Amino acid sequence: MKAPLIAVLAALTMTATAAGTAANAGCVTGAVVGGVVGHFAGHHALVGAAAGCVVGHEMKKSKQRHYYRHHR
């Protein structure tokens, strides 16, 4: 039961250190939340982390677009 959670945390650590944190900020945050939710929703931590990464990245990109449109 702890193995999937440890695998997700290890993958997130490698992802966070592999590239710049500014580019991956949304992905890492979403992956952590998605991994935890997926773990508690039927032991699907990896699927939750992958989905959370995609959603987090899109939300971060959307917020950045909104900021640049209205604060120039």
N, C-alpha and C. Protein backbone atom coordinates (compact mmCIF):
# COMPACT_ATOMS: atom_id res chain seq x y z
N MET A 1 0.83 -1.18 0.00
CA MET A 1 0.00 0.00 0.00
C MET A 1 0.88 1.25 0.00
N LYS A 2 2.01 1.20 0.65
CA LYS A 2 2.89 2.37 0.69
C LYS A 2 3.75 2.47 -0.56
N ALA A 3 3.91 1.38 -1.29
CA ALA A 3 4.79 1.37 -2.46
C ALA A 3 4.35 2.36 -3.54
N PRO A 4 3.04 2.42 -3.90
CA PRO A 4 2.65 3.39 -4.93
C PRO A 4 2.89 4.84 -4.48
N LEU A 5 2.64 5.12 -3.22
CA LEU A 5 2.85 6.48 -2.72
C LEU A 5 4.33 6.83 -2.74
N ILE A 6 5.18 5.89 -2.38
CA ILE A 6 6.62 6.13 -2.42
C ILE A 6 7.09 6.32 -3.85
N ALA A 7 6.51 5.53 -4.78
CA ALA A 7 6.88 5.67 -6.19
C ALA A 7 6.48 7.04 -6.73
N VAL A 8 5.32 7.51 -6.35
CA VAL A 8 4.87 8.84 -6.79
C VAL A 8 5.77 9.92 -6.23
N LEU A 9 6.10 9.82 -4.96
CA LEU A 9 6.98 10.83 -4.36
C LEU A 9 8.36 10.82 -5.00
N ALA A 10 8.88 9.64 -5.32
CA ALA A 10 10.17 9.55 -5.98
C ALA A 10 10.11 10.16 -7.38
N ALA A 11 9.04 9.88 -8.11
CA ALA A 11 8.89 10.44 -9.46
C ALA A 11 8.76 11.97 -9.40
N LEU A 12 8.03 12.46 -8.43
CA LEU A 12 7.88 13.91 -8.29
C LEU A 12 9.20 14.58 -7.92
N THR A 13 9.96 13.93 -7.09
CA THR A 13 11.26 14.49 -6.71
C THR A 13 12.18 14.57 -7.92
N MET A 14 12.19 13.51 -8.73
CA MET A 14 13.03 13.53 -9.93
C MET A 14 12.54 14.57 -10.93
N THR A 15 11.23 14.71 -11.06
CA THR A 15 10.68 15.70 -11.98
C THR A 15 11.02 17.11 -11.53
N ALA A 16 10.90 17.36 -10.25
CA ALA A 16 11.16 18.70 -9.73
C ALA A 16 12.63 19.09 -9.87
N THR A 17 13.52 18.12 -9.75
CA THR A 17 14.93 18.45 -9.84
C THR A 17 15.47 18.39 -11.26
N ALA A 18 14.75 17.75 -12.18
CA ALA A 18 15.24 17.58 -13.54
C ALA A 18 15.16 18.88 -14.35
N ALA A 19 14.16 19.68 -14.12
CA ALA A 19 13.98 20.90 -14.91
C ALA A 19 13.73 22.06 -13.97
N GLY A 20 13.63 23.24 -14.55
CA GLY A 20 13.41 24.44 -13.75
C GLY A 20 12.08 24.41 -13.04
N THR A 21 12.05 24.97 -11.85
CA THR A 21 10.82 24.92 -11.07
C THR A 21 9.75 25.84 -11.64
N ALA A 22 10.12 26.89 -12.34
CA ALA A 22 9.11 27.79 -12.90
C ALA A 22 8.29 27.09 -13.98
N ALA A 23 8.93 26.29 -14.79
CA ALA A 23 8.22 25.60 -15.87
C ALA A 23 7.36 24.46 -15.34
N ASN A 24 7.75 23.85 -14.23
CA ASN A 24 7.05 22.69 -13.72
C ASN A 24 6.22 22.97 -12.48
N ALA A 25 6.05 24.21 -12.11
CA ALA A 25 5.37 24.51 -10.86
C ALA A 25 3.94 23.98 -10.86
N GLY A 26 3.22 24.19 -11.91
CA GLY A 26 1.84 23.70 -11.98
C GLY A 26 1.78 22.20 -12.04
N CYS A 27 2.69 21.60 -12.76
CA CYS A 27 2.70 20.15 -12.91
C CYS A 27 3.00 19.46 -11.59
N VAL A 28 3.99 19.92 -10.89
CA VAL A 28 4.37 19.28 -9.63
C VAL A 28 3.27 19.43 -8.60
N THR A 29 2.70 20.60 -8.49
CA THR A 29 1.62 20.83 -7.54
C THR A 29 0.43 19.95 -7.87
N GLY A 30 0.04 19.92 -9.14
CA GLY A 30 -1.08 19.09 -9.55
C GLY A 30 -0.81 17.61 -9.36
N ALA A 31 0.42 17.20 -9.62
CA ALA A 31 0.76 15.79 -9.47
C ALA A 31 0.70 15.35 -8.00
N VAL A 32 1.14 16.20 -7.11
CA VAL A 32 1.07 15.86 -5.68
C VAL A 32 -0.38 15.72 -5.25
N VAL A 33 -1.20 16.69 -5.60
CA VAL A 33 -2.61 16.63 -5.22
C VAL A 33 -3.30 15.44 -5.90
N GLY A 34 -3.06 15.27 -7.20
CA GLY A 34 -3.67 14.15 -7.92
C GLY A 34 -3.21 12.80 -7.41
N GLY A 35 -1.96 12.69 -7.03
CA GLY A 35 -1.45 11.44 -6.48
C GLY A 35 -2.09 11.07 -5.16
N VAL A 36 -2.26 12.06 -4.30
CA VAL A 36 -2.90 11.81 -3.01
C VAL A 36 -4.37 11.44 -3.21
N VAL A 37 -5.06 12.19 -4.05
CA VAL A 37 -6.47 11.89 -4.30
C VAL A 37 -6.62 10.52 -4.96
N GLY A 38 -5.77 10.23 -5.94
CA GLY A 38 -5.82 8.93 -6.59
C GLY A 38 -5.52 7.78 -5.64
N HIS A 39 -4.62 8.01 -4.71
CA HIS A 39 -4.28 6.98 -3.73
C HIS A 39 -5.48 6.63 -2.87
N PHE A 40 -6.18 7.65 -2.41
CA PHE A 40 -7.33 7.41 -1.55
C PHE A 40 -8.59 7.02 -2.33
N ALA A 41 -8.61 7.22 -3.62
CA ALA A 41 -9.77 6.87 -4.45
C ALA A 41 -9.50 5.57 -5.21
N GLY A 42 -9.09 4.56 -4.51
CA GLY A 42 -8.95 3.25 -5.13
C GLY A 42 -7.54 2.87 -5.50
N HIS A 43 -6.55 3.43 -4.85
CA HIS A 43 -5.14 3.07 -5.07
C HIS A 43 -4.70 3.30 -6.51
N HIS A 44 -5.05 4.45 -7.06
CA HIS A 44 -4.63 4.83 -8.41
C HIS A 44 -3.76 6.07 -8.33
N ALA A 45 -2.72 6.01 -7.53
CA ALA A 45 -1.87 7.18 -7.28
C ALA A 45 -1.14 7.63 -8.54
N LEU A 46 -0.64 6.70 -9.34
CA LEU A 46 0.11 7.10 -10.54
C LEU A 46 -0.80 7.74 -11.58
N VAL A 47 -1.99 7.18 -11.74
CA VAL A 47 -2.95 7.77 -12.69
C VAL A 47 -3.37 9.15 -12.20
N GLY A 48 -3.62 9.28 -10.91
CA GLY A 48 -3.98 10.57 -10.34
C GLY A 48 -2.87 11.59 -10.47
N ALA A 49 -1.64 11.14 -10.29
CA ALA A 49 -0.50 12.06 -10.42
C ALA A 49 -0.34 12.53 -11.86
N ALA A 50 -0.52 11.63 -12.81
CA ALA A 50 -0.40 12.02 -14.22
C ALA A 50 -1.50 13.00 -14.61
N ALA A 51 -2.72 12.70 -14.21
CA ALA A 51 -3.84 13.60 -14.51
C ALA A 51 -3.66 14.94 -13.80
N GLY A 52 -3.23 14.89 -12.56
CA GLY A 52 -3.01 16.12 -11.80
C GLY A 52 -1.92 16.99 -12.41
N CYS A 53 -0.90 16.36 -12.98
CA CYS A 53 0.17 17.11 -13.64
C CYS A 53 -0.38 17.87 -14.84
N VAL A 54 -1.19 17.20 -15.64
CA VAL A 54 -1.77 17.84 -16.83
C VAL A 54 -2.67 18.99 -16.42
N VAL A 55 -3.56 18.74 -15.47
CA VAL A 55 -4.50 19.78 -15.03
C VAL A 55 -3.76 20.94 -14.38
N GLY A 56 -2.79 20.64 -13.52
CA GLY A 56 -2.03 21.69 -12.85
C GLY A 56 -1.26 22.56 -13.83
N HIS A 57 -0.67 21.92 -14.85
CA HIS A 57 0.08 22.67 -15.86
C HIS A 57 -0.85 23.60 -16.63
N GLU A 58 -2.02 23.10 -17.02
CA GLU A 58 -2.97 23.93 -17.76
C GLU A 58 -3.49 25.08 -16.91
N MET A 59 -3.76 24.83 -15.64
CA MET A 59 -4.24 25.91 -14.77
C MET A 59 -3.18 26.98 -14.58
N LYS A 60 -1.93 26.56 -14.41
CA LYS A 60 -0.83 27.52 -14.25
C LYS A 60 -0.67 28.36 -15.51
N LYS A 61 -0.74 27.71 -16.67
CA LYS A 61 -0.60 28.42 -17.95
C LYS A 61 -1.75 29.41 -18.13
N SER A 62 -2.95 29.00 -17.75
CA SER A 62 -4.11 29.88 -17.86
C SER A 62 -3.97 31.10 -16.96
N LYS A 63 -3.49 30.90 -15.74
CA LYS A 63 -3.29 32.02 -14.83
C LYS A 63 -2.23 32.98 -15.35
N GLN A 64 -1.16 32.43 -15.94
CA GLN A 64 -0.11 33.28 -16.49
C GLN A 64 -0.63 34.09 -17.67
N ARG A 65 -1.42 33.47 -18.55
CA ARG A 65 -2.00 34.20 -19.68
C ARG A 65 -2.89 35.34 -19.19
N HIS A 66 -3.72 35.05 -18.20
CA HIS A 66 -4.61 36.07 -17.66
C HIS A 66 -3.80 37.22 -17.06
N TYR A 67 -2.75 36.91 -16.34
CA TYR A 67 -1.93 37.94 -15.72
C TYR A 67 -1.28 38.83 -16.78
N TYR A 68 -0.69 38.22 -17.81
CA TYR A 68 0.00 39.01 -18.83
C TYR A 68 -0.95 39.84 -19.67
N ARG A 69 -2.18 39.37 -19.85
CA ARG A 69 -3.16 40.16 -20.60
C ARG A 69 -3.60 41.40 -19.85
N HIS A 70 -3.72 41.29 -18.54
CA HIS A 70 -4.29 42.38 -17.75
C HIS A 70 -3.27 43.20 -16.99
N HIS A 71 -2.01 42.87 -17.04
CA HIS A 71 -0.99 43.62 -16.29
C HIS A 71 0.15 44.09 -17.17
N ARG A 72 -0.14 44.48 -18.35
CA ARG A 72 0.92 45.01 -19.22
C ARG A 72 0.94 46.50 -19.17
